[in-house]
PDB file of N, CA and C in Angstrom:
ATOM      1  N   MET A   1      15.154  11.123 -11.678  1.00  0.00           N
ATOM      2  CA  MET A   1      14.965  10.658 -10.322  1.00  0.00           C
ATOM      3  C   MET A   1      15.529   9.255 -10.222  1.00  0.00           C
ATOM      4  N   LYS A   2      16.343   9.019  -9.215  1.00  0.00           N
ATOM      5  CA  LYS A   2      16.932   7.696  -9.033  1.00  0.00           C
ATOM      6  C   LYS A   2      16.541   7.178  -7.667  1.00  0.00           C
ATOM      7  N   ASN A   3      16.003   5.992  -7.631  1.00  0.00           N
ATOM      8  CA  ASN A   3      15.592   5.355  -6.388  1.00  0.00           C
ATOM      9  C   ASN A   3      15.910   3.876  -6.533  1.00  0.00           C
ATOM     10  N   ASN A   4      16.592   3.319  -5.561  1.00  0.00           N
ATOM     11  CA  ASN A   4      17.015   1.925  -5.677  1.00  0.00           C
ATOM     12  C   ASN A   4      16.177   0.975  -4.828  1.00  0.00           C
ATOM     13  N   ASP A   5      14.963   1.357  -4.472  1.00  0.00           N
ATOM     14  CA  ASP A   5      14.100   0.485  -3.691  1.00  0.00           C
ATOM     15  C   ASP A   5      13.523  -0.597  -4.592  1.00  0.00           C
ATOM     16  N   ILE A   6      13.808  -1.835  -4.246  1.00  0.00           N
ATOM     17  CA  ILE A   6      13.328  -2.983  -5.009  1.00  0.00           C
ATOM     18  C   ILE A   6      12.224  -3.662  -4.206  1.00  0.00           C
ATOM     19  N   LEU A   7      11.194  -4.053  -4.911  1.00  0.00           N
ATOM     20  CA  LEU A   7      10.048  -4.715  -4.305  1.00  0.00           C
ATOM     21  C   LEU A   7       9.820  -6.022  -5.047  1.00  0.00           C
ATOM     22  N   ILE A   8       9.516  -7.075  -4.323  1.00  0.00           N
ATOM     23  CA  ILE A   8       9.199  -8.368  -4.934  1.00  0.00           C
ATOM     24  C   ILE A   8       7.693  -8.578  -4.817  1.00  0.00           C
ATOM     25  N   LEU A   9       7.045  -8.718  -5.968  1.00  0.00           N
ATOM     26  CA  LEU A   9       5.604  -8.944  -6.017  1.00  0.00           C
ATOM     27  C   LEU A   9       5.326 -10.323  -6.587  1.00  0.00           C
ATOM     28  N   LYS A  10       4.151 -10.851  -6.294  1.00  0.00           N
ATOM     29  CA  LYS A  10       3.716 -12.099  -6.907  1.00  0.00           C
ATOM     30  C   LYS A  10       2.566 -11.789  -7.852  1.00  0.00           C
ATOM     31  N   ASN A  11       2.657 -12.344  -9.071  1.00  0.00           N
ATOM     32  CA  ASN A  11       1.578 -12.121 -10.029  1.00  0.00           C
ATOM     33  C   ASN A  11       0.456 -13.134  -9.806  1.00  0.00           C
ATOM     34  N   ASP A  12      -0.550 -13.107 -10.680  1.00  0.00           N
ATOM     35  CA  ASP A  12      -1.696 -14.001 -10.512  1.00  0.00           C
ATOM     36  C   ASP A  12      -1.349 -15.467 -10.748  1.00  0.00           C
ATOM     37  N   LYS A  13      -0.146 -15.727 -11.290  1.00  0.00           N
ATOM     38  CA  LYS A  13       0.329 -17.102 -11.481  1.00  0.00           C
ATOM     39  C   LYS A  13       1.280 -17.514 -10.366  1.00  0.00           C
ATOM     40  N   ASP A  14       1.326 -16.713  -9.293  1.00  0.00           N
ATOM     41  CA  ASP A  14       2.154 -16.944  -8.118  1.00  0.00           C
ATOM     42  C   ASP A  14       3.657 -16.909  -8.438  1.00  0.00           C
ATOM     43  N   GLN A  15       4.024 -16.192  -9.511  1.00  0.00           N
ATOM     44  CA  GLN A  15       5.426 -16.013  -9.871  1.00  0.00           C
ATOM     45  C   GLN A  15       5.926 -14.718  -9.251  1.00  0.00           C
ATOM     46  N   GLU A  16       7.159 -14.743  -8.726  1.00  0.00           N
ATOM     47  CA  GLU A  16       7.739 -13.542  -8.155  1.00  0.00           C
ATOM     48  C   GLU A  16       8.281 -12.641  -9.257  1.00  0.00           C
ATOM     49  N   ILE A  17       8.015 -11.345  -9.124  1.00  0.00           N
ATOM     50  CA  ILE A  17       8.464 -10.343 -10.084  1.00  0.00           C
ATOM     51  C   ILE A  17       9.178  -9.246  -9.303  1.00  0.00           C
ATOM     52  N   GLN A  18      10.369  -8.899  -9.753  1.00  0.00           N
ATOM     53  CA  GLN A  18      11.135  -7.833  -9.120  1.00  0.00           C
ATOM     54  C   GLN A  18      10.820  -6.513  -9.817  1.00  0.00           C
ATOM     55  N   VAL A  19      10.435  -5.506  -9.035  1.00  0.00           N
ATOM     56  CA  VAL A  19      10.115  -4.200  -9.587  1.00  0.00           C
ATOM     57  C   VAL A  19      10.892  -3.131  -8.826  1.00  0.00           C
ATOM     58  N   GLU A  20      11.062  -1.983  -9.471  1.00  0.00           N
ATOM     59  CA  GLU A  20      11.726  -0.860  -8.822  1.00  0.00           C
ATOM     60  C   GLU A  20      10.678   0.167  -8.421  1.00  0.00           C
ATOM     61  N   VAL A  21      10.711   0.575  -7.157  1.00  0.00           N
ATOM     62  CA  VAL A  21       9.790   1.588  -6.657  1.00  0.00           C
ATOM     63  C   VAL A  21      10.267   2.948  -7.146  1.00  0.00           C
ATOM     64  N   LEU A  22       9.392   3.657  -7.864  1.00  0.00           N
ATOM     65  CA  LEU A  22       9.728   4.988  -8.353  1.00  0.00           C
ATOM     66  C   LEU A  22       9.466   6.044  -7.288  1.00  0.00           C
ATOM     67  N   PHE A  23       8.304   5.936  -6.638  1.00  0.00           N
ATOM     68  CA  PHE A  23       8.012   6.814  -5.507  1.00  0.00           C
ATOM     69  C   PHE A  23       6.824   6.261  -4.730  1.00  0.00           C
ATOM     70  N   THR A  24       6.689   6.760  -3.523  1.00  0.00           N
ATOM     71  CA  THR A  24       5.529   6.449  -2.690  1.00  0.00           C
ATOM     72  C   THR A  24       4.859   7.776  -2.337  1.00  0.00           C
ATOM     73  N   TYR A  25       3.595   7.679  -2.032  1.00  0.00           N
ATOM     74  CA  TYR A  25       2.834   8.882  -1.689  1.00  0.00           C
ATOM     75  C   TYR A  25       1.748   8.486  -0.707  1.00  0.00           C
ATOM     76  N   VAL A  26       1.648   9.227   0.385  1.00  0.00           N
ATOM     77  CA  VAL A  26       0.595   8.988   1.368  1.00  0.00           C
ATOM     78  C   VAL A  26      -0.432  10.102   1.239  1.00  0.00           C
ATOM     79  N   SER A  27      -1.659   9.703   0.940  1.00  0.00           N
ATOM     80  CA  SER A  27      -2.755  10.655   0.823  1.00  0.00           C
ATOM     81  C   SER A  27      -3.210  11.048   2.224  1.00  0.00           C
ATOM     82  N   LYS A  28      -3.144  12.317   2.524  1.00  0.00           N
ATOM     83  CA  LYS A  28      -3.544  12.785   3.853  1.00  0.00           C
ATOM     84  C   LYS A  28      -5.056  12.762   4.017  1.00  0.00           C
ATOM     85  N   ASP A  29      -5.785  13.009   2.928  1.00  0.00           N
ATOM     86  CA  ASP A  29      -7.244  13.060   3.013  1.00  0.00           C
ATOM     87  C   ASP A  29      -7.863  11.694   3.275  1.00  0.00           C
ATOM     88  N   GLU A  30      -7.360  10.678   2.577  1.00  0.00           N
ATOM     89  CA  GLU A  30      -7.983   9.361   2.675  1.00  0.00           C
ATOM     90  C   GLU A  30      -7.070   8.322   3.300  1.00  0.00           C
ATOM     91  N   ASP A  31      -5.885   8.752   3.716  1.00  0.00           N
ATOM     92  CA  ASP A  31      -4.937   7.873   4.389  1.00  0.00           C
ATOM     93  C   ASP A  31      -4.615   6.623   3.566  1.00  0.00           C
ATOM     94  N   LYS A  32      -4.341   6.831   2.277  1.00  0.00           N
ATOM     95  CA  LYS A  32      -3.945   5.731   1.385  1.00  0.00           C
ATOM     96  C   LYS A  32      -2.445   5.812   1.142  1.00  0.00           C
ATOM     97  N   ASN A  33      -1.800   4.654   1.117  1.00  0.00           N
ATOM     98  CA  ASN A  33      -0.372   4.567   0.834  1.00  0.00           C
ATOM     99  C   ASN A  33      -0.187   4.082  -0.599  1.00  0.00           C
ATOM    100  N   PHE A  34       0.154   5.000  -1.497  1.00  0.00           N
ATOM    101  CA  PHE A  34       0.347   4.665  -2.903  1.00  0.00           C
ATOM    102  C   PHE A  34       1.797   4.276  -3.153  1.00  0.00           C
ATOM    103  N   ILE A  35       1.980   3.287  -4.002  1.00  0.00           N
ATOM    104  CA  ILE A  35       3.309   2.885  -4.458  1.00  0.00           C
ATOM    105  C   ILE A  35       3.268   2.902  -5.983  1.00  0.00           C
ATOM    106  N   VAL A  36       4.196   3.627  -6.587  1.00  0.00           N
ATOM    107  CA  VAL A  36       4.301   3.693  -8.042  1.00  0.00           C
ATOM    108  C   VAL A  36       5.615   3.019  -8.408  1.00  0.00           C
ATOM    109  N   TYR A  37       5.546   2.063  -9.335  1.00  0.00           N
ATOM    110  CA  TYR A  37       6.709   1.223  -9.619  1.00  0.00           C
ATOM    111  C   TYR A  37       6.761   0.823 -11.085  1.00  0.00           C
ATOM    112  N   THR A  38       7.898   0.247 -11.479  1.00  0.00           N
ATOM    113  CA  THR A  38       8.073  -0.231 -12.846  1.00  0.00           C
ATOM    114  C   THR A  38       8.815  -1.563 -12.833  1.00  0.00           C
ATOM    115  N   ASP A  39       8.540  -2.359 -13.860  1.00  0.00           N
ATOM    116  CA  ASP A  39       9.310  -3.587 -14.066  1.00  0.00           C
ATOM    117  C   ASP A  39      10.286  -3.401 -15.225  1.00  0.00           C
ATOM    118  N   HIS A  40      10.400  -2.166 -15.692  1.00  0.00           N
ATOM    119  CA  HIS A  40      11.290  -1.744 -16.785  1.00  0.00           C
ATOM    120  C   HIS A  40      10.913  -2.347 -18.142  1.00  0.00           C
ATOM    121  N   SER A  41       9.705  -2.888 -18.262  1.00  0.00           N
ATOM    122  CA  SER A  41       9.252  -3.345 -19.575  1.00  0.00           C
ATOM    123  C   SER A  41       8.776  -2.119 -20.362  1.00  0.00           C
ATOM    124  N   LYS A  42       8.667  -2.277 -21.674  1.00  0.00           N
ATOM    125  CA  LYS A  42       8.284  -1.172 -22.554  1.00  0.00           C
ATOM    126  C   LYS A  42       6.925  -1.452 -23.192  1.00  0.00           C
ATOM    127  N   ASP A  43       6.191  -0.374 -23.474  1.00  0.00           N
ATOM    128  CA  ASP A  43       4.936  -0.530 -24.198  1.00  0.00           C
ATOM    129  C   ASP A  43       5.210  -0.504 -25.698  1.00  0.00           C
ATOM    130  N   SER A  44       4.172  -0.533 -26.494  1.00  0.00           N
ATOM    131  CA  SER A  44       4.338  -0.599 -27.950  1.00  0.00           C
ATOM    132  C   SER A  44       4.988   0.663 -28.527  1.00  0.00           C
ATOM    133  N   ASP A  45       4.958   1.771 -27.774  1.00  0.00           N
ATOM    134  CA  ASP A  45       5.598   3.016 -28.216  1.00  0.00           C
ATOM    135  C   ASP A  45       7.029   3.146 -27.704  1.00  0.00           C
ATOM    136  N   GLY A  46       7.495   2.126 -26.980  1.00  0.00           N
ATOM    137  CA  GLY A  46       8.858   2.159 -26.452  1.00  0.00           C
ATOM    138  C   GLY A  46       8.994   2.892 -25.129  1.00  0.00           C
ATOM    139  N   LYS A  47       7.862   3.275 -24.541  1.00  0.00           N
ATOM    140  CA  LYS A  47       7.902   3.951 -23.248  1.00  0.00           C
ATOM    141  C   LYS A  47       7.880   2.918 -22.127  1.00  0.00           C
ATOM    142  N   GLU A  48       8.586   3.244 -21.049  1.00  0.00           N
ATOM    143  CA  GLU A  48       8.641   2.342 -19.903  1.00  0.00           C
ATOM    144  C   GLU A  48       7.273   2.273 -19.226  1.00  0.00           C
ATOM    145  N   LYS A  49       6.829   1.051 -18.921  1.00  0.00           N
ATOM    146  CA  LYS A  49       5.543   0.860 -18.257  1.00  0.00           C
ATOM    147  C   LYS A  49       5.681   1.204 -16.773  1.00  0.00           C
ATOM    148  N   VAL A  50       4.674   1.912 -16.265  1.00  0.00           N
ATOM    149  CA  VAL A  50       4.631   2.313 -14.864  1.00  0.00           C
ATOM    150  C   VAL A  50       3.311   1.819 -14.286  1.00  0.00           C
ATOM    151  N   TYR A  51       3.379   1.293 -13.068  1.00  0.00           N
ATOM    152  CA  TYR A  51       2.202   0.743 -12.396  1.00  0.00           C
ATOM    153  C   TYR A  51       2.028   1.422 -11.041  1.00  0.00           C
ATOM    154  N   ALA A  52       0.826   1.334 -10.502  1.00  0.00           N
ATOM    155  CA  ALA A  52       0.559   1.915  -9.190  1.00  0.00           C
ATOM    156  C   ALA A  52      -0.354   0.992  -8.404  1.00  0.00           C
ATOM    157  N   GLY A  53      -0.197   1.031  -7.104  1.00  0.00           N
ATOM    158  CA  GLY A  53      -1.047   0.260  -6.220  1.00  0.00           C
ATOM    159  C   GLY A  53      -1.199   0.977  -4.895  1.00  0.00           C
ATOM    160  N   ILE A  54      -2.125   0.495  -4.095  1.00  0.00           N
ATOM    161  CA  ILE A  54      -2.346   1.032  -2.755  1.00  0.00           C
ATOM    162  C   ILE A  54      -1.934  -0.051  -1.765  1.00  0.00           C
ATOM    163  N   TYR A  55      -0.959   0.299  -0.928  1.00  0.00           N
ATOM    164  CA  TYR A  55      -0.431  -0.679   0.026  1.00  0.00           C
ATOM    165  C   TYR A  55      -1.269  -0.681   1.293  1.00  0.00           C
ATOM    166  N   ASP A  56      -1.756  -1.869   1.658  1.00  0.00           N
ATOM    167  CA  ASP A  56      -2.517  -2.073   2.891  1.00  0.00           C
ATOM    168  C   ASP A  56      -1.570  -2.682   3.915  1.00  0.00           C
ATOM    169  N   GLU A  57      -1.126  -1.861   4.872  1.00  0.00           N
ATOM    170  CA  GLU A  57      -0.152  -2.330   5.862  1.00  0.00           C
ATOM    171  C   GLU A  57      -0.700  -3.455   6.735  1.00  0.00           C
ATOM    172  N   LYS A  58      -1.964  -3.374   7.110  1.00  0.00           N
ATOM    173  CA  LYS A  58      -2.554  -4.392   7.979  1.00  0.00           C
ATOM    174  C   LYS A  58      -2.549  -5.769   7.330  1.00  0.00           C
ATOM    175  N   GLU A  59      -2.818  -5.810   6.035  1.00  0.00           N
ATOM    176  CA  GLU A  59      -2.902  -7.072   5.303  1.00  0.00           C
ATOM    177  C   GLU A  59      -1.617  -7.409   4.552  1.00  0.00           C
ATOM    178  N   SER A  60      -0.655  -6.488   4.541  1.00  0.00           N
ATOM    179  CA  SER A  60       0.576  -6.634   3.751  1.00  0.00           C
ATOM    180  C   SER A  60       0.248  -6.985   2.296  1.00  0.00           C
ATOM    181  N   MET A  61      -0.697  -6.227   1.744  1.00  0.00           N
ATOM    182  CA  MET A  61      -1.167  -6.464   0.380  1.00  0.00           C
ATOM    183  C   MET A  61      -1.031  -5.191  -0.444  1.00  0.00           C
ATOM    184  N   LEU A  62      -0.761  -5.376  -1.732  1.00  0.00           N
ATOM    185  CA  LEU A  62      -0.768  -4.273  -2.677  1.00  0.00           C
ATOM    186  C   LEU A  62      -2.042  -4.406  -3.498  1.00  0.00           C
ATOM    187  N   ASN A  63      -2.946  -3.461  -3.320  1.00  0.00           N
ATOM    188  CA  ASN A  63      -4.242  -3.501  -3.979  1.00  0.00           C
ATOM    189  C   ASN A  63      -4.256  -2.572  -5.189  1.00  0.00           C
ATOM    190  N   PRO A  64      -5.101  -2.871  -6.161  1.00  0.00           N
ATOM    191  CA  PRO A  64      -5.155  -2.023  -7.360  1.00  0.00           C
ATOM    192  C   PRO A  64      -5.749  -0.650  -7.055  1.00  0.00           C
ATOM    193  N   VAL A  65      -5.360   0.328  -7.858  1.00  0.00           N
ATOM    194  CA  VAL A  65      -5.960   1.663  -7.805  1.00  0.00           C
ATOM    195  C   VAL A  65      -7.224   1.595  -8.652  1.00  0.00           C
ATOM    196  N   VAL A  66      -8.358   1.913  -8.053  1.00  0.00           N
ATOM    197  CA  VAL A  66      -9.628   1.803  -8.775  1.00  0.00           C
ATOM    198  C   VAL A  66     -10.373   3.130  -8.889  1.00  0.00           C
ATOM    199  N   GLU A  67     -10.072   4.075  -8.022  1.00  0.00           N
ATOM    200  CA  GLU A  67     -10.769   5.365  -8.033  1.00  0.00           C
ATOM    201  C   GLU A  67     -10.161   6.285  -9.088  1.00  0.00           C
ATOM    202  N   LYS A  68     -11.010   6.908  -9.893  1.00  0.00           N
ATOM    203  CA  LYS A  68     -10.552   7.839 -10.927  1.00  0.00           C
ATOM    204  C   LYS A  68      -9.738   8.979 -10.320  1.00  0.00           C
ATOM    205  N   GLU A  69     -10.162   9.475  -9.184  1.00  0.00           N
ATOM    206  CA  GLU A  69      -9.452  10.569  -8.518  1.00  0.00           C
ATOM    207  C   GLU A  69      -8.025  10.155  -8.151  1.00  0.00           C
ATOM    208  N   ASP A  70      -7.861   8.900  -7.729  1.00  0.00           N
ATOM    209  CA  ASP A  70      -6.533   8.392  -7.390  1.00  0.00           C
ATOM    210  C   ASP A  70      -5.652   8.301  -8.631  1.00  0.00           C
ATOM    211  N   TYR A  71      -6.218   7.782  -9.733  1.00  0.00           N
ATOM    212  CA  TYR A  71      -5.476   7.723 -11.003  1.00  0.00           C
ATOM    213  C   TYR A  71      -5.050   9.116 -11.443  1.00  0.00           C
ATOM    214  N   ASP A  72      -5.977  10.077 -11.366  1.00  0.00           N
ATOM    215  CA  ASP A  72      -5.673  11.440 -11.779  1.00  0.00           C
ATOM    216  C   ASP A  72      -4.544  12.033 -10.940  1.00  0.00           C
ATOM    217  N   MET A  73      -4.580  11.806  -9.630  1.00  0.00           N
ATOM    218  CA  MET A  73      -3.546  12.313  -8.738  1.00  0.00           C
ATOM    219  C   MET A  73      -2.189  11.720  -9.100  1.00  0.00           C
ATOM    220  N   ILE A  74      -2.138  10.409  -9.355  1.00  0.00           N
ATOM    221  CA  ILE A  74      -0.885   9.739  -9.711  1.00  0.00           C
ATOM    222  C   ILE A  74      -0.374  10.261 -11.055  1.00  0.00           C
ATOM    223  N   GLU A  75      -1.261  10.415 -12.027  1.00  0.00           N
ATOM    224  CA  GLU A  75      -0.866  10.953 -13.330  1.00  0.00           C
ATOM    225  C   GLU A  75      -0.308  12.361 -13.202  1.00  0.00           C
ATOM    226  N   ASN A  76      -0.899  13.184 -12.335  1.00  0.00           N
ATOM    227  CA  ASN A  76      -0.400  14.540 -12.122  1.00  0.00           C
ATOM    228  C   ASN A  76       1.002  14.530 -11.524  1.00  0.00           C
ATOM    229  N   ILE A  77       1.228  13.655 -10.564  1.00  0.00           N
ATOM    230  CA  ILE A  77       2.563  13.550  -9.958  1.00  0.00           C
ATOM    231  C   ILE A  77       3.572  13.088 -11.003  1.00  0.00           C
ATOM    232  N   LEU A  78       3.230  12.075 -11.797  1.00  0.00           N
ATOM    233  CA  LEU A  78       4.134  11.585 -12.835  1.00  0.00           C
ATOM    234  C   LEU A  78       4.432  12.673 -13.864  1.00  0.00           C
ATOM    235  N   SER A  79       3.419  13.441 -14.254  1.00  0.00           N
ATOM    236  CA  SER A  79       3.620  14.525 -15.214  1.00  0.00           C
ATOM    237  C   SER A  79       4.542  15.588 -14.634  1.00  0.00           C
ATOM    238  N   SER A  80       4.363  15.909 -13.371  1.00  0.00           N
ATOM    239  CA  SER A  80       5.224  16.897 -12.713  1.00  0.00           C
ATOM    240  C   SER A  80       6.670  16.434 -12.684  1.00  0.00           C
ATOM    241  N   ILE A  81       6.880  15.162 -12.377  1.00  0.00           N
ATOM    242  CA  ILE A  81       8.231  14.611 -12.340  1.00  0.00           C
ATOM    243  C   ILE A  81       8.841  14.639 -13.733  1.00  0.00           C
ATOM    244  N   GLU A  82       8.062  14.229 -14.731  1.00  0.00           N
ATOM    245  CA  GLU A  82       8.554  14.215 -16.107  1.00  0.00           C
ATOM    246  C   GLU A  82       8.915  15.624 -16.576  1.00  0.00           C
ATOM    247  N   ASN A  83       8.063  16.600 -16.279  1.00  0.00           N
ATOM    248  CA  ASN A  83       8.339  17.988 -16.665  1.00  0.00           C
ATOM    249  C   ASN A  83       9.575  18.534 -15.970  1.00  0.00           C
ATOM    250  N   LYS A  84       9.740  18.160 -14.715  1.00  0.00           N
ATOM    251  CA  LYS A  84      10.896  18.609 -13.933  1.00  0.00           C
ATOM    252  C   LYS A  84      12.198  18.039 -14.490  1.00  0.00           C
ATOM    253  N   ASN A  85      12.135  16.805 -15.003  1.00  0.00           N
ATOM    254  CA  ASN A  85      13.328  16.139 -15.517  1.00  0.00           C
ATOM    255  C   ASN A  85      13.665  16.543 -16.960  1.00  0.00           C
ATOM    256  N   ASN A  86      12.762  17.204 -17.643  1.00  0.00           N
ATOM    257  CA  ASN A  86      13.003  17.627 -19.041  1.00  0.00           C
ATOM    258  C   ASN A  86      13.497  19.032 -19.135  1.00  0.00           C
TER     259      ASN A  86
END
């Protein structure tokens, strides 16, 4: 999957970080706007790190995913994409 959407985020030290948006997903049940992205850094196993957040349009804020159900849904989508690409 190739997507060239770039997003600029600020970390807790107020530094700007450029990330690539992998996909977005709008939950119809709870009306949440999920953004899944990467900064192309690698974990200790050499796999690319992937992050997710919930975008609040009213506040123009990216909030953390805290609900287990939301994490599970995102993991399922990522697994489906990975399986499709293999």
